[in-house]
Amino acid sequence: MRVLGVETSCDETAIGIVDGKFRVVANLSITHLEHSAFGGVVPEIASRMHIKLILPITEEALKRSGLKLEDVDGIAVTYGPGLVGSLLVGLAFGKSLAYFFEKPFVGVNHLEAHMFSIFLNRQVPKEPYLFLIVSGGHTELIVMHKPGEYEILGGTVDDAAGEALDKFAKMLGLPYPGGPMIDQMASSGDPSFYRFPRAKVEGLNFSFSGLKTSALYYIREKGREYILQNINNICASYQEAVVDMLLSKVKKAISSTHIRKLGVVGGVSMNSRIRQKFNEELRDVDLHFPDPEYTVDNGAMIAATGIYYLQRGIQYGFDLPAKPDLIFEK
């Protein structure tokens, strides 16, 4: 079985093709750089860019794979969560392909697909897995009892971790997306230079809005010249607060669930400090990160999730709507 996956939930237009053993046949993603001029994603621009890019990138993915659409055994498409306009572009395109070429069609939960990203070119596990989904729009702790059976342990009550990094970068005048820039500058900074507050939230939930507000007041108090002189240290200190809050909740979740397999997925899982500190402090945990090319939104993770359900005879009708606020409904 080979499935073509379509991902258009936000500002990446992505197509992936994966076979029945979860091996990636093709994976292409284009990030919309047009948003950088506005300091964040503009929904209308994202929708228009998806319309412009989706057919050419599909043709290129098929060319690189040596396949034709007739050779594909199913079409999988993200239907939520995400920007409603962007989701609708991908859904319309995927449904059209499935209808015209008479292929099985399945809708994919974007969050579930991020979890499947660590199984690409590997095997899907039978035992329970604990997942930290950390991205620009999501920070969630979820137990995968088995694929298709999930338990949400906690999530952010305000900003997501990636959003907190991007907004801090914007305060510093760094270009969008700012998270990777923070990571780069922090690599030569001192994380103990200044201690930003770590929010204490009940249970396994997260909160990053207080950290963001604290950083805003700190920048105003110190002044532009001081910030520029110490920018690498300040980036490292702020990033350390984000990582510490993530790590403390993950440790608590491991302790309460007794699950020793952990997947850290999503765009922010590429952050070098997260990978370093999690590896250092969770040595007794079977820890997995996606390969770098599968951390950002990508079509391969959509295709892999689609394969799992299509192999079990699960298909969706063409009346499937976009669900921008989708969490889990399996």
Protein backbone atom coordinates (compact mmCIF):
# COMPACT_ATOMS: atom_id res chain seq x y z
CA MET A 1 0.00 0.00 0.00
CA ARG A 2 1.15 3.52 -0.84
CA VAL A 3 -0.69 6.59 0.42
CA LEU A 4 -0.34 10.22 -0.61
CA GLY A 5 -0.63 12.66 2.30
CA VAL A 6 -1.72 16.30 1.97
CA GLU A 7 -0.88 18.81 4.73
CA THR A 8 -2.13 22.42 4.59
CA SER A 9 -3.08 23.23 8.17
CA CYS A 10 -1.07 26.44 8.50
CA ASP A 11 1.84 27.96 6.56
CA GLU A 12 3.46 24.88 5.03
CA THR A 13 2.21 23.31 1.82
CA ALA A 14 3.34 19.70 2.11
CA ILE A 15 2.92 16.44 0.21
CA GLY A 16 4.27 13.06 1.27
CA ILE A 17 4.06 9.51 -0.03
CA VAL A 18 4.57 6.60 2.38
CA ASP A 19 4.36 2.84 1.80
CA GLY A 20 2.69 0.14 3.87
CA LYS A 21 5.79 -0.39 6.02
CA PHE A 22 5.91 3.32 6.92
CA ARG A 23 8.87 3.94 4.66
CA VAL A 24 8.93 7.45 3.19
CA VAL A 25 8.86 7.37 -0.60
CA ALA A 26 8.69 11.17 -1.05
CA ASN A 27 8.33 14.15 1.25
CA LEU A 28 8.22 17.77 0.06
CA SER A 29 7.30 20.85 2.09
CA ILE A 30 7.33 24.55 1.23
CA THR A 31 7.14 27.12 4.02
CA HIS A 32 5.41 30.38 3.08
CA LEU A 33 8.10 33.02 3.58
CA GLU A 34 5.60 35.72 2.60
CA HIS A 35 4.43 35.89 6.23
CA SER A 36 7.79 37.16 7.51
CA ALA A 37 6.96 40.73 6.45
CA PHE A 38 4.00 40.71 8.84
CA GLY A 39 5.71 39.06 11.84
CA GLY A 40 3.29 36.13 11.85
CA VAL A 41 1.00 33.98 9.75
CA VAL A 42 -1.68 35.87 7.79
CA PRO A 43 -4.54 33.37 7.16
CA GLU A 44 -5.62 34.82 3.82
CA ILE A 45 -2.06 34.76 2.48
CA ALA A 46 -1.64 31.18 3.68
CA SER A 47 -4.78 30.07 1.84
CA ARG A 48 -3.69 31.74 -1.39
CA MET A 49 -0.20 30.24 -1.18
CA HIS A 50 -1.65 26.75 -0.69
CA ILE A 51 -3.79 27.20 -3.81
CA LYS A 52 -0.72 28.33 -5.76
CA LEU A 53 1.65 25.61 -4.55
CA ILE A 54 -0.38 22.48 -3.94
CA LEU A 55 -0.54 21.14 -7.51
CA PRO A 56 3.12 21.84 -8.44
CA ILE A 57 4.41 20.28 -5.22
CA THR A 58 2.24 17.20 -5.75
CA GLU A 59 3.56 16.81 -9.27
CA GLU A 60 7.13 17.14 -7.99
CA ALA A 61 6.58 14.57 -5.23
CA LEU A 62 5.19 12.09 -7.72
CA LYS A 63 8.10 12.77 -10.09
CA ARG A 64 10.67 12.13 -7.36
CA SER A 65 8.91 8.96 -6.27
CA GLY A 66 8.68 7.60 -9.81
CA LEU A 67 4.95 7.09 -9.31
CA LYS A 68 1.75 8.26 -10.96
CA LEU A 69 -1.45 9.02 -9.07
CA GLU A 70 -2.85 5.80 -10.51
CA ASP A 71 -0.16 3.94 -8.53
CA VAL A 72 -1.25 5.43 -5.20
CA ASP A 73 -3.63 3.32 -3.09
CA GLY A 74 -5.19 6.06 -0.99
CA ILE A 75 -5.36 9.78 -0.23
CA ALA A 76 -4.95 11.15 3.32
CA VAL A 77 -5.62 14.80 4.14
CA THR A 78 -5.39 16.94 7.27
CA TYR A 79 -8.87 18.13 8.31
CA GLY A 80 -7.94 19.79 11.62
CA PRO A 81 -6.83 21.49 13.71
CA GLY A 82 -5.52 24.52 11.85
CA LEU A 83 -6.54 27.61 9.91
CA VAL A 84 -9.94 26.96 8.37
CA GLY A 85 -9.08 28.49 4.97
CA SER A 86 -5.86 26.52 4.71
CA LEU A 87 -7.56 23.29 5.73
CA LEU A 88 -10.27 23.78 3.12
CA VAL A 89 -7.70 24.08 0.33
CA GLY A 90 -6.09 20.78 1.24
CA LEU A 91 -9.41 19.02 1.79
CA ALA A 92 -10.81 20.17 -1.56
CA PHE A 93 -7.66 19.08 -3.35
CA GLY A 94 -7.42 15.70 -1.63
CA LYS A 95 -11.11 14.91 -2.12
CA SER A 96 -10.82 15.83 -5.80
CA LEU A 97 -7.90 13.45 -6.29
CA ALA A 98 -9.65 10.64 -4.44
CA TYR A 99 -12.89 11.15 -6.40
CA PHE A 100 -11.34 11.45 -9.85
CA PHE A 101 -8.87 8.56 -9.43
CA GLU A 102 -11.34 6.47 -7.39
CA LYS A 103 -9.05 6.12 -4.39
CA PRO A 104 -9.98 5.55 -0.73
CA PHE A 105 -10.04 8.80 1.23
CA VAL A 106 -9.25 9.37 4.91
CA GLY A 107 -9.16 12.53 7.03
CA VAL A 108 -6.23 12.88 9.42
CA ASN A 109 -5.96 14.66 12.75
CA HIS A 110 -2.91 16.91 12.52
CA LEU A 111 -1.94 16.29 16.16
CA GLU A 112 -2.18 12.54 15.74
CA ALA A 113 -0.02 12.78 12.63
CA HIS A 114 2.72 14.53 14.61
CA MET A 115 2.79 11.51 16.91
CA PHE A 116 3.10 9.21 13.90
CA SER A 117 6.12 11.25 12.76
CA ILE A 118 8.44 9.24 15.03
CA PHE A 119 7.27 6.01 13.39
CA LEU A 120 8.31 7.05 9.88
CA ASN A 121 10.84 4.57 8.52
CA ARG A 122 10.27 2.57 11.73
CA GLN A 123 7.59 0.34 13.26
CA VAL A 124 4.40 1.37 15.00
CA PRO A 125 4.62 0.26 18.66
CA LYS A 126 2.13 -1.99 20.44
CA GLU A 127 2.88 -0.65 23.94
CA PRO A 128 1.69 2.69 25.39
CA TYR A 129 3.63 5.83 24.52
CA LEU A 130 3.72 9.22 26.22
CA PHE A 131 3.86 12.17 23.81
CA LEU A 132 4.77 15.81 24.23
CA ILE A 133 3.44 17.71 21.21
CA VAL A 134 5.21 21.05 21.13
CA SER A 135 4.74 23.51 18.27
CA GLY A 136 3.76 27.05 17.41
CA GLY A 137 0.10 26.33 18.05
CA HIS A 138 0.08 23.39 20.45
CA THR A 139 1.63 22.18 23.67
CA GLU A 140 -0.02 18.93 24.73
CA LEU A 141 0.80 15.89 26.86
CA ILE A 142 -0.97 12.82 25.49
CA VAL A 143 -0.85 9.09 26.16
CA MET A 144 -1.13 6.86 23.11
CA HIS A 145 -2.44 3.65 24.69
CA LYS A 146 -2.25 2.32 21.15
CA PRO A 147 -2.70 4.08 17.82
CA GLY A 148 -6.26 5.38 17.73
CA GLU A 149 -6.71 5.33 21.52
CA TYR A 150 -5.55 8.53 23.26
CA GLU A 151 -5.76 10.14 26.66
CA ILE A 152 -5.10 13.87 27.00
CA LEU A 153 -3.18 14.51 30.21
CA GLY A 154 -2.72 18.24 29.87
CA GLY A 155 -2.17 21.16 27.55
CA THR A 156 -1.46 24.85 27.49
CA VAL A 157 -4.00 27.14 29.11
CA ASP A 158 -2.83 30.11 27.03
CA ASP A 159 0.14 30.38 24.64
CA ALA A 160 1.88 27.40 23.11
CA ALA A 161 5.62 27.00 23.67
CA GLY A 162 6.46 27.81 20.06
CA GLU A 163 4.23 30.86 20.17
CA ALA A 164 6.02 32.05 23.33
CA LEU A 165 9.37 31.75 21.55
CA ASP A 166 8.15 33.47 18.38
CA LYS A 167 6.58 36.36 20.29
CA PHE A 168 9.71 36.85 22.38
CA ALA A 169 11.74 37.01 19.17
CA LYS A 170 9.33 39.65 17.86
CA MET A 171 9.89 41.71 21.05
CA LEU A 172 13.62 41.57 20.29
CA GLY A 173 13.08 42.66 16.70
CA LEU A 174 14.11 39.30 15.23
CA PRO A 175 12.54 38.10 11.96
CA TYR A 176 9.64 35.62 11.83
CA PRO A 177 9.64 32.72 12.53
CA GLY A 178 11.62 33.65 15.61
CA GLY A 179 11.90 30.32 17.43
CA PRO A 180 14.82 29.02 15.33
CA MET A 181 16.56 32.41 15.68
CA ILE A 182 16.22 32.26 19.48
CA ASP A 183 17.73 28.75 19.43
CA GLN A 184 20.61 29.88 17.22
CA MET A 185 21.47 32.92 19.33
CA ALA A 186 21.04 31.04 22.61
CA SER A 187 23.65 28.50 21.55
CA SER A 188 26.39 31.04 22.38
CA GLY A 189 24.62 32.50 25.42
CA ASP A 190 24.52 31.75 29.14
CA PRO A 191 21.17 30.25 30.25
CA SER A 192 21.84 31.32 33.84
CA PHE A 193 22.36 34.99 32.88
CA TYR A 194 18.86 35.92 34.09
CA ARG A 195 16.18 33.74 35.66
CA PHE A 196 12.82 34.31 34.02
CA PRO A 197 9.84 32.99 36.04
CA ARG A 198 8.62 29.42 35.59
CA ALA A 199 4.82 29.29 35.77
CA LYS A 200 3.34 26.91 38.33
CA VAL A 201 0.12 25.48 36.93
CA GLU A 202 -1.94 22.71 38.51
CA GLY A 203 -1.74 19.22 37.13
CA LEU A 204 -0.09 18.62 33.79
CA ASN A 205 -1.11 21.86 32.12
CA PHE A 206 1.25 24.52 30.80
CA SER A 207 1.21 28.31 30.82
CA PHE A 208 3.61 30.59 28.94
CA SER A 209 1.76 33.92 28.96
CA GLY A 210 3.31 35.00 32.27
CA LEU A 211 6.79 34.28 30.96
CA LYS A 212 6.07 36.35 27.87
CA THR A 213 4.78 39.27 29.97
CA SER A 214 7.80 39.07 32.26
CA ALA A 215 10.11 39.24 29.24
CA LEU A 216 8.26 42.30 27.92
CA TYR A 217 8.74 44.18 31.21
CA TYR A 218 12.38 43.08 31.39
CA ILE A 219 13.10 44.46 27.92
CA ARG A 220 11.40 47.77 28.75
CA GLU A 221 13.24 48.06 32.06
CA LYS A 222 16.71 47.31 30.71
CA GLY A 223 16.47 49.36 27.54
CA ARG A 224 17.40 48.63 23.96
CA GLU A 225 21.16 49.13 24.28
CA TYR A 226 21.49 46.70 27.21
CA ILE A 227 19.34 44.10 25.43
CA LEU A 228 21.42 44.27 22.26
CA GLN A 229 24.67 43.99 24.21
CA ASN A 230 23.45 40.86 26.00
CA ILE A 231 21.03 39.44 23.47
CA ASN A 232 22.55 35.96 23.25
CA ASN A 233 22.50 35.54 27.03
CA ILE A 234 18.93 36.83 27.23
CA CYS A 235 17.80 34.46 24.48
CA ALA A 236 19.46 31.56 26.30
CA SER A 237 17.82 32.55 29.60
CA TYR A 238 14.35 32.85 28.09
CA GLN A 239 14.69 29.61 26.15
CA GLU A 240 15.85 27.85 29.32
CA ALA A 241 12.63 28.87 31.08
CA VAL A 242 10.54 27.38 28.27
CA VAL A 243 12.53 24.14 28.28
CA ASP A 244 12.39 23.85 32.08
CA MET A 245 8.62 24.19 32.12
CA LEU A 246 8.25 21.53 29.44
CA LEU A 247 10.66 19.16 31.15
CA SER A 248 9.11 19.50 34.62
CA LYS A 249 5.65 18.53 33.34
CA VAL A 250 7.05 15.64 31.31
CA LYS A 251 8.81 14.28 34.41
CA LYS A 252 5.57 14.57 36.36
CA ALA A 253 3.66 12.75 33.60
CA ILE A 254 6.21 9.93 33.51
CA SER A 255 5.97 9.58 37.28
CA SER A 256 2.17 9.46 37.28
CA THR A 257 1.68 7.16 34.27
CA HIS A 258 4.78 4.94 34.72
CA ILE A 259 5.18 5.01 30.93
CA ARG A 260 8.86 4.87 30.00
CA LYS A 261 8.52 5.52 26.26
CA LEU A 262 8.45 9.21 25.35
CA GLY A 263 8.05 10.89 21.98
CA VAL A 264 8.71 14.63 21.68
CA VAL A 265 7.19 15.84 18.40
CA GLY A 266 6.16 18.99 16.56
CA GLY A 267 8.14 21.88 15.14
CA VAL A 268 9.65 22.97 18.46
CA SER A 269 11.02 19.45 19.03
CA MET A 270 13.82 20.52 16.67
CA ASN A 271 15.04 23.00 19.31
CA SER A 272 18.61 22.02 20.21
CA ARG A 273 18.29 22.88 23.92
CA ILE A 274 15.16 20.74 24.27
CA ARG A 275 16.96 17.79 22.71
CA GLN A 276 20.08 18.31 24.80
CA LYS A 277 18.39 18.78 28.17
CA PHE A 278 15.77 16.05 27.68
CA ASN A 279 18.52 13.59 26.75
CA GLU A 280 20.60 14.62 29.77
CA GLU A 281 17.81 14.45 32.35
CA LEU A 282 15.73 11.55 31.02
CA ARG A 283 18.47 8.96 30.66
CA ASP A 284 16.27 6.19 32.08
CA VAL A 285 13.50 6.89 29.52
CA ASP A 286 13.22 5.47 25.99
CA LEU A 287 13.23 8.92 24.36
CA HIS A 288 12.48 9.56 20.69
CA PHE A 289 12.49 12.69 18.54
CA PRO A 290 11.41 12.78 14.87
CA ASP A 291 14.10 13.02 12.24
CA PRO A 292 14.66 16.73 11.52
CA GLU A 293 12.72 16.75 8.24
CA TYR A 294 9.64 15.37 10.03
CA THR A 295 9.51 17.85 12.91
CA VAL A 296 7.80 20.61 10.91
CA ASP A 297 4.39 20.07 9.34
CA ASN A 298 4.89 17.53 6.57
CA GLY A 299 2.96 15.29 4.23
CA ALA A 300 4.74 12.07 5.19
CA MET A 301 3.29 12.08 8.71
CA ILE A 302 -0.19 12.60 7.22
CA ALA A 303 0.32 9.72 4.79
CA ALA A 304 1.61 7.42 7.56
CA THR A 305 -1.41 8.09 9.73
CA GLY A 306 -3.65 7.53 6.73
CA ILE A 307 -1.99 4.19 6.04
CA TYR A 308 -2.65 3.02 9.60
CA TYR A 309 -6.39 3.64 9.24
CA LEU A 310 -6.78 2.57 5.62
CA GLN A 311 -5.08 -0.75 6.41
CA ARG A 312 -7.84 -1.28 8.97
CA GLY A 313 -10.59 -0.51 6.49
CA ILE A 314 -11.41 2.96 7.84
CA GLN A 315 -12.44 5.48 5.19
CA TYR A 316 -14.09 8.91 5.28
CA GLY A 317 -16.85 10.32 3.12
CA PHE A 318 -16.45 13.34 0.87
CA ASP A 319 -18.72 15.30 3.21
CA LEU A 320 -15.92 15.50 5.82
CA PRO A 321 -15.69 19.16 6.94
CA ALA A 322 -12.66 21.14 8.04
CA LYS A 323 -12.45 21.24 11.85
CA PRO A 324 -10.10 24.08 12.88
CA ASP A 325 -10.52 23.36 16.61
CA LEU A 326 -10.19 19.58 16.36
CA ILE A 327 -8.44 17.82 19.27
CA PHE A 328 -9.31 14.11 19.37
CA GLU A 329 -12.51 12.36 18.44
CA LYS A 330 -11.31 8.81 17.88
